[in-house]
PDB file of N, CA and C in Angstrom:
ATOM      1  N   UNK A   1       0.828  -1.185   0.000  1.00  0.00           N
ATOM      2  CA  UNK A   1       0.000   0.000   0.000  1.00  0.00           C
ATOM      3  C   UNK A   1       0.876   1.254   0.000  1.00  0.00           C
ATOM      4  N   UNK A   2       0.360   2.285  -0.606  1.00  0.00           N
ATOM      5  CA  UNK A   2       1.027   3.585  -0.650  1.00  0.00           C
ATOM      6  C   UNK A   2       0.039   4.624  -0.122  1.00  0.00           C
ATOM      7  N   UNK A   3       0.566   5.718   0.386  1.00  0.00           N
ATOM      8  CA  UNK A   3      -0.284   6.769   0.945  1.00  0.00           C
ATOM      9  C   UNK A   3      -0.091   8.064   0.164  1.00  0.00           C
ATOM     10  N   UNK A   4      -1.184   8.755  -0.056  1.00  0.00           N
ATOM     11  CA  UNK A   4      -1.137  10.056  -0.717  1.00  0.00           C
ATOM     12  C   UNK A   4      -0.496  11.062   0.227  1.00  0.00           C
ATOM     13  N   UNK A   5       0.408  11.866  -0.298  1.00  0.00           N
ATOM     14  CA  UNK A   5       1.105  12.858   0.532  1.00  0.00           C
ATOM     15  C   UNK A   5       0.200  14.014   0.932  1.00  0.00           C
ATOM     16  N   UNK A   6      -0.854  14.258   0.181  1.00  0.00           N
ATOM     17  CA  UNK A   6      -1.734  15.384   0.472  1.00  0.00           C
ATOM     18  C   UNK A   6      -2.944  14.970   1.326  1.00  0.00           C
ATOM     19  N   UNK A   7      -3.702  13.960   0.886  1.00  0.00           N
ATOM     20  CA  UNK A   7      -4.944  13.607   1.585  1.00  0.00           C
ATOM     21  C   UNK A   7      -4.845  12.336   2.429  1.00  0.00           C
ATOM     22  N   UNK A   8      -3.701  11.665   2.416  1.00  0.00           N
ATOM     23  CA  UNK A   8      -3.394  10.500   3.257  1.00  0.00           C
ATOM     24  C   UNK A   8      -4.191   9.244   2.910  1.00  0.00           C
ATOM     25  N   UNK A   9      -4.897   9.223   1.807  1.00  0.00           N
ATOM     26  CA  UNK A   9      -5.642   8.033   1.385  1.00  0.00           C
ATOM     27  C   UNK A   9      -4.658   6.920   1.044  1.00  0.00           C
ATOM     28  N   UNK A  10      -4.983   5.702   1.457  1.00  0.00           N
ATOM     29  CA  UNK A  10      -4.155   4.548   1.112  1.00  0.00           C
ATOM     30  C   UNK A  10      -4.645   3.939  -0.192  1.00  0.00           C
ATOM     31  N   UNK A  11      -3.696   3.636  -1.082  1.00  0.00           N
ATOM     32  CA  UNK A  11      -4.010   3.083  -2.390  1.00  0.00           C
ATOM     33  C   UNK A  11      -2.844   2.217  -2.866  1.00  0.00           C
ATOM     34  N   UNK A  12      -3.054   1.482  -3.924  1.00  0.00           N
ATOM     35  CA  UNK A  12      -1.983   0.681  -4.522  1.00  0.00           C
ATOM     36  C   UNK A  12      -1.343   1.402  -5.709  1.00  0.00           C
ATOM     37  N   UNK A  13      -1.871   2.560  -6.071  1.00  0.00           N
ATOM     38  CA  UNK A  13      -1.409   3.292  -7.248  1.00  0.00           C
ATOM     39  C   UNK A  13      -0.299   4.277  -6.902  1.00  0.00           C
ATOM     40  N   UNK A  14       0.428   4.731  -7.934  1.00  0.00           N
ATOM     41  CA  UNK A  14       1.510   5.702  -7.752  1.00  0.00           C
ATOM     42  C   UNK A  14       0.999   7.139  -7.672  1.00  0.00           C
ATOM     43  N   UNK A  15      -0.255   7.330  -8.079  1.00  0.00           N
ATOM     44  CA  UNK A  15      -0.888   8.654  -8.030  1.00  0.00           C
ATOM     45  C   UNK A  15      -2.235   8.489  -7.318  1.00  0.00           C
ATOM     46  N   UNK A  16      -2.565   9.419  -6.449  1.00  0.00           N
ATOM     47  CA  UNK A  16      -3.818   9.363  -5.700  1.00  0.00           C
ATOM     48  C   UNK A  16      -5.011   9.447  -6.650  1.00  0.00           C
ATOM     49  N   UNK A  17      -5.978   8.525  -6.533  1.00  0.00           N
ATOM     50  CA  UNK A  17      -7.144   8.567  -7.412  1.00  0.00           C
ATOM     51  C   UNK A  17      -8.114   9.708  -7.075  1.00  0.00           C
ATOM     52  N   UNK A  18      -7.956  10.349  -5.925  1.00  0.00           N
ATOM     53  CA  UNK A  18      -8.876  11.406  -5.509  1.00  0.00           C
ATOM     54  C   UNK A  18      -8.345  12.810  -5.777  1.00  0.00           C
ATOM     55  N   UNK A  19      -7.061  13.048  -5.471  1.00  0.00           N
ATOM     56  CA  UNK A  19      -6.550  14.418  -5.635  1.00  0.00           C
ATOM     57  C   UNK A  19      -5.434  14.527  -6.684  1.00  0.00           C
ATOM     58  N   UNK A  20      -4.915  13.400  -7.184  1.00  0.00           N
ATOM     59  CA  UNK A  20      -3.919  13.431  -8.243  1.00  0.00           C
ATOM     60  C   UNK A  20      -2.483  13.645  -7.787  1.00  0.00           C
ATOM     61  N   UNK A  21      -2.254  13.732  -6.482  1.00  0.00           N
ATOM     62  CA  UNK A  21      -0.906  13.925  -5.951  1.00  0.00           C
ATOM     63  C   UNK A  21      -0.141  12.592  -5.966  1.00  0.00           C
ATOM     64  N   UNK A  22       1.198  12.644  -5.983  1.00  0.00           N
ATOM     65  CA  UNK A  22       1.981  11.398  -5.925  1.00  0.00           C
ATOM     66  C   UNK A  22       1.834  10.725  -4.573  1.00  0.00           C
ATOM     67  N   UNK A  23       1.980   9.401  -4.566  1.00  0.00           N
ATOM     68  CA  UNK A  23       1.883   8.633  -3.328  1.00  0.00           C
ATOM     69  C   UNK A  23       3.270   8.262  -2.826  1.00  0.00           C
ATOM     70  N   UNK A  24       3.333   7.825  -1.581  1.00  0.00           N
ATOM     71  CA  UNK A  24       4.600   7.499  -0.945  1.00  0.00           C
ATOM     72  C   UNK A  24       4.529   6.129  -0.290  1.00  0.00           C
ATOM     73  N   UNK A  25       5.667   5.430  -0.306  1.00  0.00           N
ATOM     74  CA  UNK A  25       5.780   4.150   0.399  1.00  0.00           C
ATOM     75  C   UNK A  25       6.075   4.356   1.884  1.00  0.00           C
ATOM     76  N   UNK A  26       6.426   5.561   2.260  1.00  0.00           N
ATOM     77  CA  UNK A  26       6.856   5.862   3.627  1.00  0.00           C
ATOM     78  C   UNK A  26       5.714   6.499   4.414  1.00  0.00           C
ATOM     79  N   UNK A  27       4.964   5.662   5.118  1.00  0.00           N
ATOM     80  CA  UNK A  27       3.854   6.142   5.925  1.00  0.00           C
ATOM     81  C   UNK A  27       3.759   5.316   7.206  1.00  0.00           C
ATOM     82  N   UNK A  28       3.059   5.869   8.197  1.00  0.00           N
ATOM     83  CA  UNK A  28       2.894   5.193   9.483  1.00  0.00           C
ATOM     84  C   UNK A  28       1.456   5.343   9.948  1.00  0.00           C
ATOM     85  N   UNK A  29       0.995   4.371  10.699  1.00  0.00           N
ATOM     86  CA  UNK A  29      -0.343   4.408  11.273  1.00  0.00           C
ATOM     87  C   UNK A  29      -1.414   4.086  10.253  1.00  0.00           C
ATOM     88  N   UNK A  30      -2.474   3.436  10.695  1.00  0.00           N
ATOM     89  CA  UNK A  30      -3.527   2.973   9.806  1.00  0.00           C
ATOM     90  C   UNK A  30      -4.866   3.361  10.420  1.00  0.00           C
ATOM     91  N   UNK A  31      -5.689   4.038   9.664  1.00  0.00           N
ATOM     92  CA  UNK A  31      -6.987   4.489  10.152  1.00  0.00           C
ATOM     93  C   UNK A  31      -8.056   4.110   9.144  1.00  0.00           C
ATOM     94  N   UNK A  32      -9.103   3.480   9.614  1.00  0.00           N
ATOM     95  CA  UNK A  32     -10.249   3.178   8.763  1.00  0.00           C
ATOM     96  C   UNK A  32     -11.408   4.041   9.241  1.00  0.00           C
ATOM     97  N   UNK A  33     -11.934   4.857   8.345  1.00  0.00           N
ATOM     98  CA  UNK A  33     -13.063   5.734   8.656  1.00  0.00           C
ATOM     99  C   UNK A  33     -14.309   5.144   8.008  1.00  0.00           C
ATOM    100  N   UNK A  34     -15.308   4.866   8.828  1.00  0.00           N
ATOM    101  CA  UNK A  34     -16.570   4.314   8.322  1.00  0.00           C
ATOM    102  C   UNK A  34     -17.609   5.419   8.173  1.00  0.00           C
ATOM    103  N   UNK A  35     -17.702   6.287   9.180  1.00  0.00           N
ATOM    104  CA  UNK A  35     -18.672   7.377   9.164  1.00  0.00           C
ATOM    105  C   UNK A  35     -17.936   8.677   9.484  1.00  0.00           C
ATOM    106  N   UNK A  36     -17.471   9.356   8.452  1.00  0.00           N
ATOM    107  CA  UNK A  36     -16.641  10.554   8.638  1.00  0.00           C
ATOM    108  C   UNK A  36     -17.391  11.692   9.318  1.00  0.00           C
ATOM    109  N   UNK A  37     -18.683  11.782   9.117  1.00  0.00           N
ATOM    110  CA  UNK A  37     -19.444  12.892   9.697  1.00  0.00           C
ATOM    111  C   UNK A  37     -19.623  12.764  11.209  1.00  0.00           C
ATOM    112  N   UNK A  38     -19.504  11.557  11.758  1.00  0.00           N
ATOM    113  CA  UNK A  38     -19.665  11.352  13.201  1.00  0.00           C
ATOM    114  C   UNK A  38     -18.375  10.940  13.895  1.00  0.00           C
ATOM    115  N   UNK A  39     -17.246  11.064  13.237  1.00  0.00           N
ATOM    116  CA  UNK A  39     -15.962  10.655  13.796  1.00  0.00           C
ATOM    117  C   UNK A  39     -15.160  11.875  14.249  1.00  0.00           C
ATOM    118  N   UNK A  40     -14.760  11.872  15.510  1.00  0.00           N
ATOM    119  CA  UNK A  40     -13.945  12.963  16.045  1.00  0.00           C
ATOM    120  C   UNK A  40     -12.559  12.948  15.401  1.00  0.00           C
ATOM    121  N   UNK A  41     -11.998  11.773  15.188  1.00  0.00           N
ATOM    122  CA  UNK A  41     -10.673  11.658  14.574  1.00  0.00           C
ATOM    123  C   UNK A  41     -10.719  12.148  13.122  1.00  0.00           C
ATOM    124  N   UNK A  42     -11.751  11.759  12.384  1.00  0.00           N
ATOM    125  CA  UNK A  42     -11.894  12.220  11.000  1.00  0.00           C
ATOM    126  C   UNK A  42     -12.037  13.742  10.951  1.00  0.00           C
ATOM    127  N   UNK A  43     -12.738  14.302  11.912  1.00  0.00           N
ATOM    128  CA  UNK A  43     -12.892  15.760  11.962  1.00  0.00           C
ATOM    129  C   UNK A  43     -11.547  16.438  12.216  1.00  0.00           C
ATOM    130  N   UNK A  44     -10.739  15.894  13.125  1.00  0.00           N
ATOM    131  CA  UNK A  44      -9.436  16.485  13.440  1.00  0.00           C
ATOM    132  C   UNK A  44      -8.468  16.365  12.267  1.00  0.00           C
ATOM    133  N   UNK A  45      -8.614  15.302  11.455  1.00  0.00           N
ATOM    134  CA  UNK A  45      -7.750  15.110  10.293  1.00  0.00           C
ATOM    135  C   UNK A  45      -8.333  15.750   9.025  1.00  0.00           C
ATOM    136  N   UNK A  46      -9.500  16.390   9.152  1.00  0.00           N
ATOM    137  CA  UNK A  46     -10.187  17.049   8.029  1.00  0.00           C
ATOM    138  C   UNK A  46     -10.554  16.061   6.929  1.00  0.00           C
ATOM    139  N   UNK A  47     -11.027  14.866   7.324  1.00  0.00           N
ATOM    140  CA  UNK A  47     -11.440  13.835   6.372  1.00  0.00           C
ATOM    141  C   UNK A  47     -12.938  13.930   6.158  1.00  0.00           C
ATOM    142  N   UNK A  48     -13.352  13.880   4.902  1.00  0.00           N
ATOM    143  CA  UNK A  48     -14.764  14.067   4.567  1.00  0.00           C
ATOM    144  C   UNK A  48     -15.452  12.790   4.071  1.00  0.00           C
ATOM    145  N   UNK A  49     -14.670  11.755   3.712  1.00  0.00           N
ATOM    146  CA  UNK A  49     -15.273  10.550   3.152  1.00  0.00           C
ATOM    147  C   UNK A  49     -14.722   9.302   3.837  1.00  0.00           C
ATOM    148  N   UNK A  50     -15.506   8.214   3.846  1.00  0.00           N
ATOM    149  CA  UNK A  50     -15.019   6.966   4.433  1.00  0.00           C
ATOM    150  C   UNK A  50     -13.887   6.377   3.596  1.00  0.00           C
ATOM    151  N   UNK A  51     -13.031   5.611   4.243  1.00  0.00           N
ATOM    152  CA  UNK A  51     -11.925   4.975   3.533  1.00  0.00           C
ATOM    153  C   UNK A  51     -10.788   4.604   4.454  1.00  0.00           C
ATOM    154  N   UNK A  52      -9.687   4.182   3.864  1.00  0.00           N
ATOM    155  CA  UNK A  52      -8.475   3.805   4.589  1.00  0.00           C
ATOM    156  C   UNK A  52      -7.464   4.931   4.469  1.00  0.00           C
ATOM    157  N   UNK A  53      -6.881   5.328   5.604  1.00  0.00           N
ATOM    158  CA  UNK A  53      -5.974   6.468   5.642  1.00  0.00           C
ATOM    159  C   UNK A  53      -4.716   6.151   6.437  1.00  0.00           C
ATOM    160  N   UNK A  54      -3.631   6.829   6.085  1.00  0.00           N
ATOM    161  CA  UNK A  54      -2.392   6.774   6.857  1.00  0.00           C
ATOM    162  C   UNK A  54      -2.402   7.965   7.821  1.00  0.00           C
ATOM    163  N   UNK A  55      -1.870   7.767   9.013  1.00  0.00           N
ATOM    164  CA  UNK A  55      -1.823   8.841   9.995  1.00  0.00           C
ATOM    165  C   UNK A  55      -0.662   9.805   9.723  1.00  0.00           C
ATOM    166  N   UNK A  56       0.468   9.262   9.240  1.00  0.00           N
ATOM    167  CA  UNK A  56       1.657  10.081   8.970  1.00  0.00           C
ATOM    168  C   UNK A  56       2.243   9.649   7.632  1.00  0.00           C
ATOM    169  N   UNK A  57       2.536  10.603   6.766  1.00  0.00           N
ATOM    170  CA  UNK A  57       3.122  10.312   5.446  1.00  0.00           C
ATOM    171  C   UNK A  57       4.348  11.177   5.266  1.00  0.00           C
ATOM    172  N   UNK A  58       5.438  10.559   4.802  1.00  0.00           N
ATOM    173  CA  UNK A  58       6.679  11.308   4.503  1.00  0.00           C
ATOM    174  C   UNK A  58       6.946  11.280   3.018  1.00  0.00           C
TER     175      UNK A  58
END
């Protein structure tokens, strides 16, 4: 898995399918958001949609 440097979405692609930014192999932490509108963590990370996210991306 790779993580987008901008929106932190986890994907298998070299470019993020949502924002078009390059992805990185260097990430830490794993977050699954099911209901972004009711999640305090998703709100703090400014996440608007459900999905798999990295907590830290380099």
